[in-house]
Amino acid sequence: MKLKWIGVLLGCALLPKVYGAEVAVPDTTPKDTASAVKITYEDPRDPFEGFNRVMWDFNYLYLDRYLYRPVAHGYNDYIPLPAKTGVNNFLQNLEEPSSVVNNLLQGKWGWAANAGGRFTVNSTIGLLGVIDVADMMGMTRKQDEFNEVLGYYGVPNGPYFMAPFAGPYIARELASDWVDGLYFPLSELTMWQSVLKWGLKSLHARASAIDQERLVDNALDPYAFVKDAYIQHMDYKVYDGNVPQKQEDDELLDQYMQELE
């Protein structure tokens, strides 16, 4: 959480230098007709797309290629699976109490009881969460964050933002993630412990995404692919997988089917 805001602050510092700069691509047409093609971005979900694409290039073409990806592959190839699973289980268990509160705020009493039961069982029988005994007992992991509570009550995603070093976020997520750190045991962590937790979770998540690397690498527009996937993922979490179909999407589908006929 704290490291996320470091990335955001770095992005804000770079924003005046990058955002607003016109993106020009050399054209092959004669010089007397045009010297450059100006690119404009009109996605209402992404008002800072010019800046975000620069940050994406920095993250994807340099940080991920030369640092995150090699480390993730080394972690995936050489760290034993029980060790990786145990560390991730321990870190995830720390977030169960905040999930109890967030589910209660949404009126999801069953999931709140599930999160409370998971924390109790795994913190005791599961050796502080290293072993996911609760999952073996049928209590599956479903952790809700406070930004999902806001989304549940109609707060929109807000602008999409690509933070240097930290990756993609939506404004609602950035504005509310600090709330989850107010509950025990996350509230007891020092800054460096929080940074270590964030780093280990990010490493595990990056290693888990190795199988999806080809999808991003082979995408026509990797930036747009990741943006759409991330926003869809956030909507999926807010609606617990039951994302409502937009009326305009239905109309486009109907029009497409009529054209096929």
Protein backbone atom coordinates (compact mmCIF):
# COMPACT_ATOMS: atom_id res chain seq x y z
CA MET A 1 0.00 0.00 0.00
CA LYS A 2 2.71 2.51 0.95
CA LEU A 3 4.85 1.51 -2.02
CA LYS A 4 1.85 1.99 -4.30
CA TRP A 5 1.61 5.61 -3.23
CA ILE A 6 5.33 6.08 -3.82
CA GLY A 7 4.70 5.07 -7.42
CA VAL A 8 1.71 7.38 -7.66
CA LEU A 9 3.69 10.33 -6.30
CA LEU A 10 6.46 9.65 -8.80
CA GLY A 11 3.84 9.60 -11.53
CA CYS A 12 2.38 12.90 -10.39
CA ALA A 13 5.85 14.44 -10.41
CA LEU A 14 6.35 13.32 -14.01
CA LEU A 15 2.83 14.24 -15.12
CA PRO A 16 3.49 17.90 -16.06
CA LYS A 17 6.46 16.83 -18.20
CA VAL A 18 4.74 14.00 -20.05
CA TYR A 19 1.01 14.65 -20.09
CA GLY A 20 -0.06 17.19 -22.63
CA ALA A 21 2.88 16.50 -24.88
CA GLU A 22 1.64 15.74 -28.37
CA VAL A 23 2.47 12.27 -29.64
CA ALA A 24 3.79 12.42 -33.18
CA VAL A 25 4.51 9.51 -35.51
CA PRO A 26 6.54 10.08 -38.67
CA ASP A 27 4.47 9.73 -41.83
CA THR A 28 5.56 8.41 -45.22
CA THR A 29 3.45 10.91 -47.16
CA PRO A 30 5.20 13.72 -49.07
CA LYS A 31 6.47 16.57 -46.93
CA ASP A 32 4.36 19.12 -48.73
CA THR A 33 1.14 17.40 -47.59
CA ALA A 34 1.90 16.27 -44.05
CA SER A 35 4.94 15.98 -41.81
CA ALA A 36 3.49 14.03 -38.91
CA VAL A 37 0.41 12.20 -37.73
CA LYS A 38 -1.03 13.36 -34.42
CA ILE A 39 -2.55 10.71 -32.19
CA THR A 40 -5.41 11.57 -29.85
CA TYR A 41 -6.92 9.34 -27.17
CA GLU A 42 -10.66 9.43 -26.45
CA ASP A 43 -11.29 6.65 -23.93
CA PRO A 44 -13.40 8.31 -21.17
CA ARG A 45 -12.14 5.73 -18.68
CA ASP A 46 -8.56 6.83 -19.33
CA PRO A 47 -8.28 10.63 -19.47
CA PHE A 48 -4.51 10.48 -18.83
CA GLU A 49 -3.80 7.95 -21.57
CA GLY A 50 -0.89 9.86 -23.07
CA PHE A 51 0.90 9.88 -19.72
CA ASN A 52 -0.21 6.35 -18.86
CA ARG A 53 1.23 4.95 -22.09
CA VAL A 54 4.61 6.48 -21.29
CA MET A 55 4.50 4.86 -17.83
CA TRP A 56 3.38 1.59 -19.43
CA ASP A 57 6.37 1.62 -21.77
CA PHE A 58 8.67 2.25 -18.80
CA ASN A 59 7.10 -0.55 -16.74
CA TYR A 60 6.64 -3.09 -19.54
CA LEU A 61 9.61 -2.52 -21.83
CA TYR A 62 12.24 -1.94 -19.14
CA LEU A 63 11.24 -2.81 -15.56
CA ASP A 64 9.34 -5.97 -16.40
CA ARG A 65 11.64 -7.16 -19.17
CA TYR A 66 14.91 -6.69 -17.32
CA LEU A 67 13.89 -7.01 -13.64
CA TYR A 68 10.40 -8.28 -12.76
CA ARG A 69 10.16 -11.01 -15.39
CA PRO A 70 13.58 -12.62 -14.73
CA VAL A 71 13.02 -12.51 -10.96
CA ALA A 72 9.51 -13.97 -11.32
CA HIS A 73 10.77 -16.81 -13.52
CA GLY A 74 13.58 -17.54 -11.08
CA TYR A 75 11.13 -17.53 -8.18
CA ASN A 76 8.76 -19.82 -10.07
CA ASP A 77 11.49 -22.25 -11.19
CA TYR A 78 13.68 -22.56 -8.11
CA ILE A 79 11.55 -21.92 -5.02
CA PRO A 80 9.74 -25.09 -3.87
CA LEU A 81 5.97 -24.99 -4.31
CA PRO A 82 5.23 -25.62 -0.58
CA ALA A 83 7.39 -22.61 0.35
CA LYS A 84 5.69 -20.33 -2.20
CA THR A 85 2.22 -21.48 -1.18
CA GLY A 86 2.97 -21.18 2.53
CA VAL A 87 4.29 -17.63 2.31
CA ASN A 88 1.36 -16.52 0.14
CA ASN A 89 -1.13 -18.17 2.51
CA PHE A 90 0.45 -16.39 5.47
CA LEU A 91 0.23 -12.99 3.76
CA GLN A 92 -3.34 -13.56 2.57
CA ASN A 93 -4.38 -14.57 6.09
CA LEU A 94 -3.38 -11.12 7.38
CA GLU A 95 -6.12 -9.60 5.19
CA GLU A 96 -9.00 -11.78 6.38
CA PRO A 97 -10.10 -9.42 9.24
CA SER A 98 -10.46 -6.46 6.86
CA SER A 99 -12.43 -8.75 4.54
CA VAL A 100 -14.82 -9.50 7.44
CA VAL A 101 -15.54 -5.78 7.85
CA ASN A 102 -15.88 -5.13 4.12
CA ASN A 103 -18.32 -8.00 3.64
CA LEU A 104 -20.37 -6.80 6.61
CA LEU A 105 -20.55 -3.32 5.09
CA GLN A 106 -22.02 -4.89 1.95
CA GLY A 107 -24.50 -7.00 3.87
CA LYS A 108 -22.80 -10.23 2.78
CA TRP A 109 -23.22 -11.97 6.11
CA GLY A 110 -22.26 -15.42 4.85
CA TRP A 111 -18.99 -14.25 3.33
CA ALA A 112 -18.21 -12.20 6.44
CA ALA A 113 -18.63 -15.32 8.59
CA ASN A 114 -16.53 -17.25 6.07
CA ALA A 115 -13.66 -14.75 6.33
CA GLY A 116 -13.85 -14.72 10.13
CA GLY A 117 -13.86 -18.51 10.23
CA ARG A 118 -10.91 -18.70 7.86
CA PHE A 119 -8.86 -16.31 9.99
CA THR A 120 -9.64 -18.21 13.19
CA VAL A 121 -8.93 -21.67 11.78
CA ASN A 122 -5.85 -20.77 9.76
CA SER A 123 -4.30 -18.64 12.51
CA THR A 124 -4.51 -21.56 14.94
CA ILE A 125 -4.63 -24.97 13.30
CA GLY A 126 -3.05 -23.60 10.12
CA LEU A 127 0.09 -22.31 11.88
CA LEU A 128 -0.58 -18.57 11.51
CA GLY A 129 -2.04 -19.10 8.06
CA VAL A 130 0.88 -20.93 6.47
CA ILE A 131 -1.40 -23.93 5.84
CA ASP A 132 -4.83 -23.16 4.42
CA VAL A 133 -6.73 -25.60 6.63
CA ALA A 134 -9.94 -23.57 6.18
CA ASP A 135 -9.94 -24.27 2.45
CA MET A 136 -9.64 -27.99 3.19
CA MET A 137 -12.74 -27.59 5.40
CA GLY A 138 -14.73 -26.01 2.56
CA MET A 139 -14.23 -22.33 3.45
CA THR A 140 -12.96 -20.92 0.16
CA ARG A 141 -10.97 -17.69 0.08
CA LYS A 142 -12.91 -14.60 -1.02
CA GLN A 143 -11.36 -11.36 0.15
CA ASP A 144 -13.17 -8.07 -0.40
CA GLU A 145 -11.36 -4.73 -0.27
CA PHE A 146 -12.85 -1.41 0.78
CA ASN A 147 -12.79 -0.14 -2.80
CA GLU A 148 -15.21 -2.98 -3.61
CA VAL A 149 -17.52 -1.70 -0.86
CA LEU A 150 -17.56 1.71 -2.54
CA GLY A 151 -18.21 0.09 -5.90
CA TYR A 152 -21.04 -1.96 -4.40
CA TYR A 153 -22.76 1.31 -3.37
CA GLY A 154 -22.35 2.88 -6.78
CA VAL A 155 -19.05 4.78 -6.56
CA PRO A 156 -17.61 4.64 -10.11
CA ASN A 157 -14.16 3.34 -10.94
CA GLY A 158 -12.86 6.79 -11.78
CA PRO A 159 -9.91 7.43 -14.11
CA TYR A 160 -7.52 4.62 -14.94
CA PHE A 161 -3.96 5.27 -13.84
CA MET A 162 -0.69 3.52 -14.67
CA ALA A 163 1.72 4.10 -11.80
CA PRO A 164 5.47 3.79 -12.41
CA PHE A 165 6.92 0.69 -10.68
CA ALA A 166 3.51 -0.26 -9.20
CA GLY A 167 1.35 -0.93 -12.28
CA PRO A 168 -2.34 -0.28 -13.08
CA TYR A 169 -4.93 1.16 -10.68
CA ILE A 170 -8.29 2.89 -10.79
CA ALA A 171 -8.94 6.10 -8.89
CA ARG A 172 -11.43 4.49 -6.48
CA GLU A 173 -8.81 1.92 -5.54
CA LEU A 174 -6.10 4.52 -4.95
CA ALA A 175 -8.37 6.70 -2.83
CA SER A 176 -9.59 3.92 -0.53
CA ASP A 177 -6.96 1.21 -0.15
CA TRP A 178 -5.56 2.81 3.00
CA VAL A 179 -8.79 1.91 4.83
CA ASP A 180 -7.97 -1.80 4.74
CA GLY A 181 -4.77 -1.13 6.67
CA LEU A 182 -6.68 0.24 9.67
CA TYR A 183 -7.69 -3.21 10.92
CA PHE A 184 -5.69 -5.72 12.94
CA PRO A 185 -3.25 -7.26 12.12
CA LEU A 186 -2.36 -4.98 9.19
CA SER A 187 -2.50 -1.96 11.49
CA GLU A 188 0.34 -3.44 13.56
CA LEU A 189 2.79 -3.68 10.66
CA THR A 190 5.62 -1.19 10.39
CA MET A 191 6.34 0.60 7.13
CA TRP A 192 9.11 -1.82 6.19
CA GLN A 193 6.99 -4.83 7.08
CA SER A 194 4.23 -3.44 4.87
CA VAL A 195 6.70 -2.93 2.03
CA LEU A 196 7.98 -6.49 2.46
CA LYS A 197 4.42 -7.83 2.42
CA TRP A 198 3.61 -5.83 -0.72
CA GLY A 199 6.79 -7.05 -2.43
CA LEU A 200 6.20 -10.73 -1.64
CA LYS A 201 2.55 -10.55 -2.74
CA SER A 202 3.53 -8.78 -5.95
CA LEU A 203 6.25 -11.34 -6.66
CA HIS A 204 3.81 -14.22 -6.18
CA ALA A 205 1.20 -12.50 -8.36
CA ARG A 206 3.77 -11.80 -11.10
CA ALA A 207 4.94 -15.42 -11.05
CA SER A 208 1.32 -16.58 -11.28
CA ALA A 209 0.91 -14.47 -14.43
CA ILE A 210 3.75 -16.15 -16.33
CA ASP A 211 1.31 -18.21 -18.38
CA GLN A 212 -0.38 -14.99 -19.57
CA GLU A 213 2.83 -13.34 -20.80
CA ARG A 214 2.30 -14.48 -24.39
CA LEU A 215 -1.18 -12.97 -24.44
CA VAL A 216 0.26 -9.56 -23.58
CA ASP A 217 3.35 -9.89 -25.77
CA ASN A 218 1.28 -10.91 -28.82
CA ALA A 219 -1.52 -8.39 -28.32
CA LEU A 220 -1.96 -5.82 -31.07
CA ASP A 221 -1.95 -3.10 -28.39
CA PRO A 222 -0.57 -4.52 -25.10
CA TYR A 223 -1.44 -1.33 -23.19
CA ALA A 224 -5.11 -1.41 -24.21
CA PHE A 225 -5.27 -5.17 -23.63
CA VAL A 226 -4.03 -4.83 -20.03
CA LYS A 227 -6.22 -1.80 -19.36
CA ASP A 228 -9.40 -3.53 -20.52
CA ALA A 229 -8.51 -6.71 -18.63
CA TYR A 230 -7.80 -4.79 -15.42
CA ILE A 231 -11.01 -2.75 -15.50
CA GLN A 232 -13.02 -5.89 -16.25
CA HIS A 233 -11.29 -7.61 -13.33
CA MET A 234 -12.23 -4.78 -10.96
CA ASP A 235 -15.87 -4.93 -12.14
CA TYR A 236 -15.82 -8.71 -11.70
CA LYS A 237 -14.71 -8.32 -8.08
CA VAL A 238 -17.34 -5.68 -7.28
CA TYR A 239 -20.19 -7.79 -8.68
CA ASP A 240 -18.80 -11.14 -7.43
CA GLY A 241 -18.59 -12.39 -10.99
CA ASN A 242 -22.12 -11.35 -12.00
CA VAL A 243 -21.24 -8.24 -14.00
CA PRO A 244 -24.43 -6.71 -15.48
CA GLN A 245 -24.57 -6.56 -19.25
CA LYS A 246 -24.65 -3.03 -20.62
CA GLN A 247 -27.62 -2.08 -22.79
CA GLU A 248 -25.36 -0.66 -25.49
CA ASP A 249 -23.46 -3.95 -25.64
CA ASP A 250 -26.75 -5.79 -26.23
CA GLU A 251 -27.66 -3.38 -29.02
CA LEU A 252 -24.28 -3.85 -30.70
CA LEU A 253 -24.67 -7.63 -30.48
CA ASP A 254 -28.16 -7.46 -31.99
CA GLN A 255 -26.91 -5.25 -34.79
CA TYR A 256 -24.05 -7.64 -35.49
CA MET A 257 -26.38 -10.64 -35.61
CA GLN A 258 -28.72 -8.80 -38.00
CA GLU A 259 -25.78 -8.08 -40.30
CA LEU A 260 -24.90 -11.78 -40.34
CA GLU A 261 -28.44 -12.64 -41.40
